[in-house]
Amino acid sequence: MSCLPDHDRIAGVDEAGRGPLAGPVVVAAVILHPGRPVEGLGDSKRLSRARREALYPRIVASAIAWHVEFVEADEIDALNILQATLMGMRRALDALSPRATHARIDGNRLPAELPCPATAMIGGDGLDQAIMAASILAKVSRDRHMLALHALYPGYGFDRHKGYPCAAHLAALSRLGPCPQHRRSFAPVRLACEGRPAAVGRGQGP
């Protein structure tokens, strides 16, 4: 693995899956190589699934370092979704080799005890190339994981909605009850545990 001067090792960090009722929140950290640009990067939410899948191996092949971190539903329930996401960001940066000397993190919050200085960037997934790359790795990794969970728990439609609180997911949750991958700290799942229906739009927990 090639190594650049310290001032060039800037990591982008982003997450996928804060809002769903099931599955992990996934965080990626990427240090791009300035001499190996990846054409076509963008905010993962604005790219097609096919485009994200095509960019994933190109990012992995050209990056100086990258890591994808999964924070599972039980950890989300124990910490709350914000703290679980921040923990995932810290873990992702800790796992990079070589280490980043600075991190640019999408959003307005920085985790505590990071292994390097960091800057929060609101809308960073549409502004910074490394954050865009991290956004794509996180989104593709989570989507693939939710397809695998669909094979284990086919009744919920994870292959279609990826765990987000759409009407079909809430109907399945009411009909089947939660599976082990559901976030019990989120209101619709908590209501389903109590045998009560939940309305669309009540995805986030307290």
Protein backbone atom coordinates (compact mmCIF):
# COMPACT_ATOMS: atom_id res chain seq x y z
CA MET A 1 0.00 0.00 0.00
CA SER A 2 1.44 3.38 -0.99
CA CYS A 3 1.77 6.05 1.64
CA LEU A 4 1.56 9.80 1.14
CA PRO A 5 2.86 12.65 3.28
CA ASP A 6 0.80 13.22 6.41
CA HIS A 7 -0.89 16.34 5.11
CA ASP A 8 -2.41 14.31 2.25
CA ARG A 9 -4.04 11.62 4.40
CA ILE A 10 -7.48 13.19 4.78
CA ALA A 11 -10.36 10.79 5.41
CA GLY A 12 -13.96 11.29 4.43
CA VAL A 13 -16.55 9.76 6.77
CA ASP A 14 -20.25 9.18 6.19
CA GLU A 15 -23.02 6.81 7.27
CA ALA A 16 -26.04 5.03 5.85
CA GLY A 17 -29.08 3.80 7.73
CA ARG A 18 -29.86 6.15 10.59
CA GLY A 19 -33.59 6.21 9.86
CA PRO A 20 -34.56 2.55 9.28
CA LEU A 21 -36.44 0.46 11.80
CA ALA A 22 -34.21 -2.58 11.24
CA GLY A 23 -30.65 -3.50 10.46
CA PRO A 24 -27.39 -1.76 11.27
CA VAL A 25 -26.25 1.78 10.78
CA VAL A 26 -23.19 1.51 8.52
CA VAL A 27 -20.28 3.96 8.60
CA ALA A 28 -17.46 4.20 6.06
CA ALA A 29 -14.15 6.05 6.21
CA VAL A 30 -12.07 6.55 3.06
CA ILE A 31 -8.71 8.17 2.33
CA LEU A 32 -8.60 8.86 -1.40
CA HIS A 33 -5.33 8.94 -3.34
CA PRO A 34 -4.95 12.32 -5.11
CA GLY A 35 -3.02 10.64 -7.90
CA ARG A 36 -5.75 8.07 -8.54
CA PRO A 37 -8.98 10.08 -8.90
CA VAL A 38 -12.31 8.25 -9.10
CA GLU A 39 -14.50 9.81 -11.76
CA GLY A 40 -18.24 10.10 -11.23
CA LEU A 41 -18.38 10.41 -7.44
CA GLY A 42 -21.43 12.06 -5.92
CA ASP A 43 -23.84 11.95 -3.01
CA SER A 44 -24.89 8.29 -2.84
CA LYS A 45 -28.54 9.29 -2.37
CA ARG A 46 -28.50 10.98 -5.78
CA LEU A 47 -26.84 8.12 -7.64
CA SER A 48 -28.61 5.10 -9.09
CA ARG A 49 -28.08 1.72 -7.50
CA ALA A 50 -26.21 0.56 -10.60
CA ARG A 51 -23.93 3.59 -10.46
CA ARG A 52 -23.15 3.06 -6.77
CA GLU A 53 -22.34 -0.59 -7.40
CA ALA A 54 -20.04 0.35 -10.27
CA LEU A 55 -18.20 2.94 -8.20
CA TYR A 56 -17.71 0.70 -5.15
CA PRO A 57 -14.85 -1.45 -6.51
CA ARG A 58 -13.21 1.57 -8.12
CA ILE A 59 -13.16 3.40 -4.78
CA VAL A 60 -11.76 0.35 -2.99
CA ALA A 61 -9.07 -0.19 -5.63
CA SER A 62 -7.87 3.43 -5.71
CA ALA A 63 -8.10 4.43 -2.05
CA ILE A 64 -5.07 4.68 0.21
CA ALA A 65 -7.19 3.21 3.00
CA TRP A 66 -10.85 2.44 3.63
CA HIS A 67 -13.01 0.72 6.21
CA VAL A 68 -16.70 -0.05 6.57
CA GLU A 69 -18.08 -0.39 10.10
CA PHE A 70 -21.41 -1.99 11.05
CA VAL A 71 -23.17 -0.93 14.25
CA GLU A 72 -25.87 -3.49 14.89
CA ALA A 73 -29.42 -3.04 16.15
CA ASP A 74 -28.65 -4.11 19.72
CA GLU A 75 -25.91 -1.48 19.99
CA ILE A 76 -28.27 1.15 18.56
CA ASP A 77 -30.87 0.21 21.18
CA ALA A 78 -28.29 0.39 23.96
CA LEU A 79 -26.82 3.76 22.97
CA ASN A 80 -29.49 5.54 20.82
CA ILE A 81 -29.06 6.10 17.10
CA LEU A 82 -27.01 9.30 17.34
CA GLN A 83 -24.47 7.89 19.78
CA ALA A 84 -24.31 4.60 17.86
CA THR A 85 -23.56 6.52 14.65
CA LEU A 86 -20.85 8.58 16.33
CA MET A 87 -19.33 5.42 17.76
CA GLY A 88 -19.33 3.87 14.29
CA MET A 89 -17.49 6.90 12.93
CA ARG A 90 -14.84 6.57 15.62
CA ARG A 91 -14.44 2.84 14.95
CA ALA A 92 -14.17 3.38 11.20
CA LEU A 93 -11.40 5.96 11.62
CA ASP A 94 -9.62 3.79 14.18
CA ALA A 95 -9.53 0.93 11.68
CA LEU A 96 -7.83 2.84 8.85
CA SER A 97 -4.28 1.83 7.97
CA PRO A 98 -2.42 4.04 7.41
CA ARG A 99 -4.15 6.35 9.85
CA ALA A 100 -5.75 9.57 8.69
CA THR A 101 -4.18 12.78 9.92
CA HIS A 102 -7.47 14.65 9.48
CA ALA A 103 -11.09 13.62 8.96
CA ARG A 104 -13.96 15.37 7.23
CA ILE A 105 -17.22 14.07 8.64
CA ASP A 106 -20.60 14.60 7.01
CA GLY A 107 -23.02 16.41 9.32
CA ASN A 108 -22.84 18.86 12.19
CA ARG A 109 -21.54 16.62 15.00
CA LEU A 110 -18.10 15.22 15.74
CA PRO A 111 -17.53 12.06 17.79
CA ALA A 112 -15.43 12.30 20.92
CA GLU A 113 -11.98 10.72 21.21
CA LEU A 114 -11.22 10.52 17.50
CA PRO A 115 -7.76 9.30 16.48
CA CYS A 116 -7.13 12.51 14.49
CA PRO A 117 -8.40 16.10 14.24
CA ALA A 118 -11.70 16.40 12.37
CA THR A 119 -14.03 18.87 10.70
CA ALA A 120 -17.82 18.52 10.54
CA MET A 121 -19.21 19.38 7.11
CA ILE A 122 -22.95 19.93 6.72
CA GLY A 123 -23.87 18.60 3.29
CA GLY A 124 -20.38 17.18 2.92
CA ASP A 125 -21.63 14.22 0.87
CA GLY A 126 -22.34 16.68 -1.92
CA LEU A 127 -19.17 18.76 -1.47
CA ASP A 128 -16.17 16.62 -0.60
CA GLN A 129 -14.86 13.79 -2.77
CA ALA A 130 -13.70 11.62 0.13
CA ILE A 131 -17.04 11.99 1.91
CA MET A 132 -18.81 11.10 -1.34
CA ALA A 133 -16.69 7.96 -1.56
CA ALA A 134 -17.50 7.06 2.05
CA SER A 135 -21.19 7.69 1.39
CA ILE A 136 -21.12 5.22 -1.51
CA LEU A 137 -19.25 2.52 0.40
CA ALA A 138 -21.62 2.83 3.36
CA LYS A 139 -24.78 2.78 1.23
CA VAL A 140 -23.73 -0.15 -0.97
CA SER A 141 -22.52 -2.16 2.03
CA ARG A 142 -25.76 -1.60 3.91
CA ASP A 143 -27.97 -2.40 0.92
CA ARG A 144 -26.09 -5.67 0.37
CA HIS A 145 -26.45 -6.51 4.04
CA MET A 146 -30.19 -5.87 3.97
CA LEU A 147 -30.52 -8.24 0.99
CA ALA A 148 -28.81 -10.90 3.09
CA LEU A 149 -31.20 -10.18 5.98
CA HIS A 150 -34.13 -10.54 3.57
CA ALA A 151 -33.03 -14.12 2.92
CA LEU A 152 -33.14 -14.79 6.67
CA TYR A 153 -36.36 -12.85 7.36
CA PRO A 154 -38.27 -12.80 4.05
CA GLY A 155 -41.60 -11.62 5.40
CA TYR A 156 -40.62 -7.99 5.99
CA GLY A 157 -39.55 -6.89 2.51
CA PHE A 158 -36.03 -5.82 3.48
CA ASP A 159 -34.98 -6.34 -0.15
CA ARG A 160 -37.30 -3.52 -1.22
CA HIS A 161 -37.33 -0.90 1.53
CA LYS A 162 -34.03 -1.78 3.29
CA GLY A 163 -35.69 -1.46 6.69
CA TYR A 164 -37.12 2.04 6.30
CA PRO A 165 -40.58 2.72 7.79
CA CYS A 166 -42.77 2.58 4.68
CA ALA A 167 -46.38 1.38 4.81
CA ALA A 168 -45.51 -2.15 3.65
CA HIS A 169 -42.85 -2.52 6.33
CA LEU A 170 -45.13 -1.26 9.08
CA ALA A 171 -47.89 -3.63 7.94
CA ALA A 172 -45.46 -6.57 8.06
CA LEU A 173 -44.22 -5.45 11.46
CA SER A 174 -47.77 -5.38 12.79
CA ARG A 175 -48.53 -8.76 11.24
CA LEU A 176 -45.36 -10.64 12.16
CA GLY A 177 -43.97 -8.71 15.10
CA PRO A 178 -40.30 -7.68 15.22
CA CYS A 179 -37.45 -9.93 14.14
CA PRO A 180 -34.04 -9.91 15.91
CA GLN A 181 -32.80 -7.23 13.50
CA HIS A 182 -35.45 -4.66 14.44
CA ARG A 183 -34.47 -1.65 16.55
CA ARG A 184 -36.66 -1.93 19.61
CA SER A 185 -35.85 1.60 20.76
CA PHE A 186 -37.63 3.01 17.68
CA ALA A 187 -41.27 3.90 18.25
CA PRO A 188 -42.97 1.72 15.57
CA VAL A 189 -41.04 -1.36 16.69
CA ARG A 190 -41.76 -0.63 20.33
CA LEU A 191 -45.47 -0.29 19.51
CA ALA A 192 -45.40 -3.57 17.58
CA CYS A 193 -43.86 -5.28 20.62
CA GLU A 194 -46.87 -4.02 22.57
CA GLY A 195 -49.29 -5.27 19.93
CA ARG A 196 -50.23 -1.77 18.77
CA PRO A 197 -50.11 -0.50 15.16
CA ALA A 198 -47.75 2.30 14.16
CA ALA A 199 -48.28 5.08 11.64
CA VAL A 200 -45.94 5.86 8.75
CA GLY A 201 -43.45 8.58 9.63
CA ARG A 202 -42.73 7.48 13.20
CA GLY A 203 -39.40 5.91 12.39
CA GLN A 204 -37.02 7.55 14.81
CA GLY A 205 -36.82 6.57 18.42
CA PRO A 206 -36.53 9.12 21.22
